[in-house]
Protein backbone atom coordinates (compact mmCIF):
# COMPACT_ATOMS: atom_id res chain seq x y z
CA MET A 1 -1.47 -119.49 28.75
CA ALA A 2 -4.38 -116.82 29.03
CA TRP A 3 -3.25 -113.95 27.33
CA GLN A 4 -5.18 -111.90 25.03
CA ILE A 5 -2.68 -110.50 21.88
CA LYS A 6 -3.41 -107.55 19.30
CA THR A 7 -3.00 -110.15 16.43
CA GLY A 8 -6.43 -111.47 17.10
CA LEU A 9 -5.10 -114.56 19.06
CA ARG A 10 -6.33 -115.77 22.85
CA ARG A 11 -5.38 -119.02 24.80
CA SER A 12 -8.85 -119.49 26.42
CA ALA A 13 -7.17 -121.77 29.40
CA ARG A 14 -3.58 -122.29 30.56
CA PHE A 15 -1.56 -124.12 27.87
CA GLY A 16 -5.01 -124.29 26.23
CA LYS A 17 -6.99 -123.47 22.73
CA ILE A 18 -6.87 -120.53 21.08
CA ARG A 19 -9.94 -118.13 20.10
CA ARG A 20 -10.44 -114.80 19.13
CA ALA A 21 -9.77 -111.82 20.72
CA THR A 22 -9.60 -108.20 20.02
CA LYS A 23 -6.28 -106.19 21.87
CA MET A 24 -3.39 -107.69 23.71
CA LYS A 25 -3.58 -108.17 26.87
CA ILE A 26 -0.47 -110.66 28.30
CA ASN A 27 -1.62 -112.55 31.96
CA SER A 28 0.86 -112.33 33.99
CA LYS A 29 -0.55 -114.87 36.56
CA GLU A 30 -0.47 -117.53 33.77
CA PHE A 31 3.55 -117.57 34.13
CA ARG A 32 3.36 -117.21 38.41
CA VAL A 33 4.26 -120.34 40.30
CA PRO A 34 1.35 -121.14 42.93
CA PRO A 35 2.71 -121.18 46.28
CA GLY A 36 2.84 -124.99 47.20
CA GLU A 37 2.99 -126.44 43.58
CA LYS A 38 5.31 -129.42 42.62
CA VAL A 39 7.09 -127.49 39.87
CA GLN A 40 8.26 -129.75 36.80
CA LEU A 41 9.66 -127.69 34.17
CA SER A 42 8.93 -130.67 31.59
CA ARG A 43 5.16 -129.54 31.36
CA ARG A 44 6.05 -126.23 31.07
CA PRO A 45 6.91 -124.22 27.74
CA THR A 46 9.97 -122.64 26.85
CA ILE A 47 8.08 -121.46 23.76
CA VAL A 48 4.52 -120.11 22.96
CA LYS A 49 2.99 -118.65 20.30
CA PRO A 50 4.11 -114.94 19.50
CA LEU A 51 2.57 -112.16 20.83
CA PHE A 52 3.52 -110.37 17.47
CA LYS A 53 2.91 -110.28 13.67
CA SER A 54 6.14 -108.99 12.95
CA LYS A 55 9.19 -107.38 14.15
CA THR A 56 7.56 -103.72 13.59
CA ARG A 57 4.98 -104.65 16.23
CA TYR A 58 7.35 -106.22 18.83
CA HIS A 59 9.23 -103.05 18.88
CA GLU A 60 6.04 -100.69 19.30
CA LEU A 61 4.54 -103.04 21.83
CA LEU A 62 7.81 -103.01 23.62
CA ASP A 63 8.08 -99.50 23.77
CA GLU A 64 4.73 -98.99 25.08
CA HIS A 65 5.55 -100.82 27.59
CA VAL A 66 9.22 -99.27 28.66
CA LYS A 67 7.37 -96.15 28.39
CA ALA A 68 4.26 -97.44 30.55
CA LEU A 69 7.46 -98.75 33.04
CA SER A 70 9.29 -95.35 32.53
CA SER A 71 6.08 -93.34 33.61
CA LEU A 72 5.65 -95.72 36.65
CA GLN A 73 8.83 -95.43 37.68
CA ARG A 74 8.85 -91.60 38.51
CA LEU A 75 6.15 -92.15 40.18
CA HIS A 76 7.64 -94.82 42.33
CA TYR A 77 11.04 -92.48 42.84
CA ALA A 78 8.74 -89.60 44.02
CA SER A 79 6.46 -91.92 46.47
CA ASN A 80 9.41 -92.96 48.16
CA ARG A 81 6.90 -95.49 50.02
CA TYR A 82 8.55 -99.17 48.47
CA ALA A 83 11.37 -100.71 47.12
CA LEU A 84 11.16 -103.37 43.95
CA LEU A 85 13.46 -105.91 44.11
CA LEU A 86 13.28 -108.14 40.60
CA ILE A 87 15.28 -111.41 40.42
CA PHE A 88 16.60 -112.78 37.41
CA GLN A 89 17.57 -116.85 37.48
CA GLY A 90 18.30 -119.06 34.39
CA MET A 91 20.85 -121.07 32.69
CA ASP A 92 23.71 -119.33 30.54
CA ALA A 93 22.21 -117.98 27.20
CA ALA A 94 18.59 -117.80 28.68
CA GLY A 95 18.58 -113.74 27.80
CA LYS A 96 19.06 -112.11 31.20
CA ASP A 97 21.45 -109.56 30.22
CA GLY A 98 19.31 -108.87 27.16
CA ALA A 99 15.54 -108.69 29.06
CA ILE A 100 17.07 -106.39 31.86
CA ARG A 101 18.81 -103.90 29.01
CA HIS A 102 15.71 -103.82 26.83
CA VAL A 103 12.59 -103.75 29.55
CA MET A 104 14.49 -101.62 31.41
CA SER A 105 15.70 -99.09 28.24
CA GLY A 106 13.51 -96.05 29.49
CA VAL A 107 14.25 -96.21 33.51
CA ASN A 108 15.54 -93.39 34.75
CA PRO A 109 19.69 -94.56 36.21
CA GLN A 110 19.05 -92.52 38.92
CA GLY A 111 16.24 -94.96 40.36
CA CYS A 112 17.12 -97.79 39.18
CA GLN A 113 20.39 -100.29 40.22
CA VAL A 114 21.69 -103.13 38.78
CA SER A 115 24.16 -105.81 40.19
CA SER A 116 25.45 -109.00 38.79
CA PHE A 117 26.08 -112.01 40.84
CA LYS A 118 29.42 -114.13 40.04
CA GLN A 119 31.32 -116.23 41.82
CA PRO A 120 31.99 -115.47 45.57
CA SER A 121 34.40 -113.13 46.63
CA ALA A 122 37.24 -114.64 50.08
CA GLU A 123 35.51 -111.35 51.85
CA GLU A 124 32.05 -112.90 50.55
CA LEU A 125 33.13 -116.12 51.44
CA GLU A 126 33.92 -115.52 55.39
CA HIS A 127 30.11 -113.91 55.77
CA ASP A 128 27.16 -115.84 55.22
CA PHE A 129 25.69 -116.71 51.92
CA LEU A 130 23.04 -113.71 51.97
CA TRP A 131 25.64 -111.38 53.07
CA ARG A 132 26.48 -110.23 49.60
CA THR A 133 23.33 -110.21 47.95
CA THR A 134 21.64 -108.26 51.54
CA CYS A 135 24.62 -105.34 50.71
CA GLN A 136 23.00 -104.80 47.31
CA LEU A 137 19.19 -104.85 48.36
CA PRO A 138 17.41 -101.44 46.80
CA GLU A 139 16.70 -98.36 48.71
CA ARG A 140 12.83 -97.37 49.14
CA GLY A 141 11.59 -95.56 45.98
CA ARG A 142 14.29 -97.33 43.48
CA ILE A 143 14.40 -100.87 41.68
CA GLY A 144 16.68 -103.34 42.09
CA ILE A 145 17.70 -105.58 39.94
CA PHE A 146 19.99 -109.14 40.09
CA ASN A 147 21.24 -110.56 37.60
CA ARG A 148 21.67 -113.98 39.46
CA SER A 149 21.29 -114.00 43.18
CA TYR A 150 21.36 -115.73 46.60
CA TYR A 151 19.27 -118.16 44.91
CA GLU A 152 23.15 -119.13 42.86
CA GLU A 153 23.28 -120.96 46.74
CA VAL A 154 20.54 -123.54 46.19
CA LEU A 155 21.35 -123.84 42.43
CA VAL A 156 24.88 -123.66 41.35
CA VAL A 157 25.93 -124.62 44.81
CA ARG A 158 23.39 -127.85 44.89
CA VAL A 159 24.43 -128.92 41.45
CA HIS A 160 28.18 -128.80 42.34
CA PRO A 161 28.45 -129.41 46.41
CA GLU A 162 31.50 -129.41 46.59
CA ILE A 163 31.51 -125.58 46.22
CA LEU A 164 30.64 -125.95 50.31
CA ARG A 165 33.81 -126.94 51.09
CA SER A 166 35.12 -123.38 50.54
CA GLN A 167 33.03 -121.60 52.38
CA GLY A 168 34.23 -122.09 55.68
CA LEU A 169 31.34 -124.21 56.81
CA SER A 170 32.02 -126.67 59.51
CA GLU A 171 30.95 -130.67 58.41
CA GLU A 172 27.52 -130.31 60.56
CA LEU A 173 26.41 -126.97 58.36
CA ARG A 174 27.14 -128.69 55.04
CA ASP A 175 25.34 -131.51 55.32
CA GLU A 176 23.80 -132.09 52.37
CA LYS A 177 20.92 -134.08 54.14
CA THR A 178 20.06 -130.89 55.64
CA ILE A 179 21.41 -127.52 54.03
CA TRP A 180 19.20 -126.95 51.03
CA GLU A 181 15.92 -127.01 52.97
CA GLU A 182 17.71 -124.98 55.76
CA ARG A 183 19.17 -122.58 53.16
CA TYR A 184 15.07 -122.58 51.46
CA ARG A 185 14.18 -121.61 54.86
CA SER A 186 16.95 -118.61 55.12
CA ILE A 187 15.72 -116.90 51.79
CA VAL A 188 12.22 -117.14 52.79
CA ASP A 189 12.06 -115.75 55.97
CA LEU A 190 14.59 -112.79 54.32
CA GLU A 191 11.85 -112.00 51.93
CA GLU A 192 9.21 -112.51 54.77
CA HIS A 193 10.94 -109.63 55.91
CA LEU A 194 11.80 -107.28 53.09
CA ARG A 195 8.55 -107.49 52.24
CA ARG A 196 7.41 -106.54 55.76
CA ASN A 197 9.86 -103.21 55.48
CA GLY A 198 8.47 -102.24 52.32
CA THR A 199 10.70 -104.12 49.43
CA ARG A 200 8.46 -106.07 47.18
CA ILE A 201 10.35 -108.59 45.69
CA VAL A 202 9.38 -110.36 41.76
CA LYS A 203 11.37 -113.57 40.90
CA ILE A 204 12.00 -114.30 37.02
CA PHE A 205 12.85 -117.66 35.77
CA LEU A 206 13.75 -117.87 31.84
CA HIS A 207 13.20 -120.81 30.92
CA LEU A 208 15.30 -122.00 28.22
CA SER A 209 15.54 -125.21 26.20
CA LYS A 210 18.38 -127.24 25.64
CA ASP A 211 18.60 -127.01 22.11
CA GLU A 212 17.80 -123.65 22.17
CA GLN A 213 20.73 -123.16 24.58
CA ARG A 214 22.86 -124.55 21.99
CA LYS A 215 21.75 -122.59 19.28
CA ARG A 216 22.68 -119.34 20.88
CA PHE A 217 26.22 -120.92 21.80
CA LEU A 218 26.89 -121.45 18.79
CA GLU A 219 26.18 -118.26 17.75
CA ARG A 220 28.49 -117.17 20.32
CA ILE A 221 31.13 -118.51 17.95
CA ASP A 222 30.10 -117.89 14.72
CA GLU A 223 29.31 -114.30 14.87
CA PRO A 224 32.89 -112.19 16.15
CA GLU A 225 31.05 -109.84 18.26
CA LYS A 226 29.68 -112.27 20.15
CA ASN A 227 32.40 -114.44 20.64
CA TRP A 228 33.32 -111.98 24.33
CA LYS A 229 30.26 -114.00 25.19
CA PHE A 230 31.49 -117.74 25.09
CA SER A 231 33.54 -119.41 27.88
CA LEU A 232 34.53 -123.07 28.46
CA ALA A 233 32.54 -122.96 31.56
CA ASP A 234 29.42 -122.94 29.59
CA ILE A 235 30.13 -125.67 27.72
CA HIS A 236 31.00 -127.63 31.25
CA GLU A 237 27.73 -126.40 32.60
CA ARG A 238 25.83 -128.11 30.21
CA LYS A 239 26.43 -131.28 30.78
CA TYR A 240 25.02 -130.77 33.92
CA TRP A 241 21.55 -130.23 32.79
CA LYS A 242 19.39 -132.45 33.94
CA GLN A 243 20.97 -132.02 37.92
CA TYR A 244 20.20 -127.70 37.36
CA MET A 245 16.97 -128.36 35.70
CA ARG A 246 16.16 -131.23 39.47
CA ALA A 247 17.79 -127.81 41.12
CA TYR A 248 15.19 -124.93 39.65
CA GLU A 249 12.61 -127.57 40.22
CA ALA A 250 13.27 -127.99 43.64
CA CYS A 251 14.31 -124.25 44.21
CA LEU A 252 11.01 -122.74 42.70
CA THR A 253 8.70 -125.35 44.85
CA ALA A 254 10.09 -124.13 48.12
CA THR A 255 10.54 -120.59 47.64
CA SER A 256 7.59 -119.17 45.42
CA THR A 257 5.04 -117.71 47.95
CA HIS A 258 1.97 -115.38 47.91
CA HIS A 259 4.53 -112.40 48.65
CA ALA A 260 7.48 -112.72 46.49
CA PRO A 261 6.35 -115.15 43.53
CA TRP A 262 8.23 -117.11 40.75
CA TYR A 263 7.70 -116.41 37.48
CA VAL A 264 8.21 -119.30 34.91
CA VAL A 265 8.79 -117.56 31.72
CA PRO A 266 9.35 -119.24 28.15
CA ALA A 267 12.46 -117.92 26.97
CA ASP A 268 13.60 -119.74 23.48
CA ASP A 269 11.84 -116.48 22.00
CA LYS A 270 13.41 -113.31 23.23
CA GLU A 271 11.21 -110.56 21.58
CA ASN A 272 8.16 -112.74 23.33
CA ALA A 273 10.26 -112.97 26.83
CA ARG A 274 10.99 -109.27 27.17
CA LEU A 275 7.19 -108.53 26.52
CA MET A 276 6.43 -110.99 29.06
CA VAL A 277 9.05 -109.73 31.58
CA SER A 278 8.11 -105.74 31.11
CA GLN A 279 4.18 -106.87 31.48
CA ILE A 280 5.04 -108.86 34.76
CA VAL A 281 7.59 -105.50 36.28
CA LEU A 282 4.40 -103.18 35.50
CA ASP A 283 2.18 -105.39 37.12
CA ALA A 284 4.27 -105.08 40.30
CA LEU A 285 4.57 -101.70 40.06
CA ASN A 286 0.42 -101.25 39.40
CA GLU A 287 0.04 -102.77 42.51
CA LEU A 288 2.26 -101.27 44.82
CA LYS A 289 -0.23 -98.09 46.68
CA MET A 290 1.78 -95.06 45.00
CA ALA A 291 1.37 -91.18 44.88
CA TYR A 292 3.07 -88.12 44.35
CA PRO A 293 3.96 -86.28 47.59
CA LYS A 294 0.79 -83.57 48.15
CA ILE A 295 2.38 -80.23 48.94
CA SER A 296 1.41 -78.19 52.44
CA ALA A 297 -0.94 -74.97 52.25
CA LYS A 298 2.20 -73.11 53.23
CA ARG A 299 4.50 -74.68 50.28
CA ARG A 300 1.67 -73.61 48.15
CA ARG A 301 2.14 -69.95 48.91
CA GLU A 302 5.51 -69.97 48.88
CA LEU A 303 5.28 -71.15 45.25
CA LYS A 304 3.58 -68.77 43.71
CA SER A 305 5.71 -66.11 45.76
CA ILE A 306 8.60 -67.30 43.82
CA ARG A 307 6.50 -67.65 40.69
CA LYS A 308 5.81 -64.12 40.51
CA ARG A 309 9.66 -63.31 41.07
CA LEU A 310 10.39 -64.94 37.44
């Protein structure tokens, strides 16, 4: 990864050697999946060299990012020209909740909304597979966060195709030879439509190793305050690890585009992942053309008049 870090280290090329540098600069583009690339997750790391020398330094760096995000979010809200949609995907225990909680901790709740998508309800199953998430898209000036998303329909449903039978589709429409490519096309078309209408989309896959998932599951069992997080369903899904990796590879390959890119973030180190995610979000906001609204000369005179009365 080609990033600079304040600890004095720098990787000079993607997954390459390390050389000296002076300050931290995470290059979020190094995590991006280029359009057309055939993704092989086994060739992408789940852990990289720490971006900090100590826990204290980690908290300082994250605090810097959070403050910058807070400032940009206020500008985004006031500008009211774009919407920003952040999509988080990953295996169970990949750290989606923690990344959202820590990275977005300084954002004004009035300008941010988080939506989590689990098993579809009976009402949702009566609609097309994009309907329930479309209802939760962010308004202009807001940041919308999807903790899982419509991508579940080409991930968990692909690993468990029997789910298709509960979705009320005819045999023709649930043909496994064509349905996944058709759903990829529907997703890409939707994201292109959203882009044309002012919604910027950033998609983050937290790339966790199977060994690290096991460690986190054991923590959920051994630590009482984490017991509530554990479910037998997690163990059941772990049996399908290889199938999920293949589903993710196909999905990332088919749906990472210029207008809605995927980022594969090494997730075995939670703190590292949070710094990377925060940089990706910062870069997305910095790319938007935003400005605080300008007031008219008439309004300026009104404000001056009001000021004299105070």
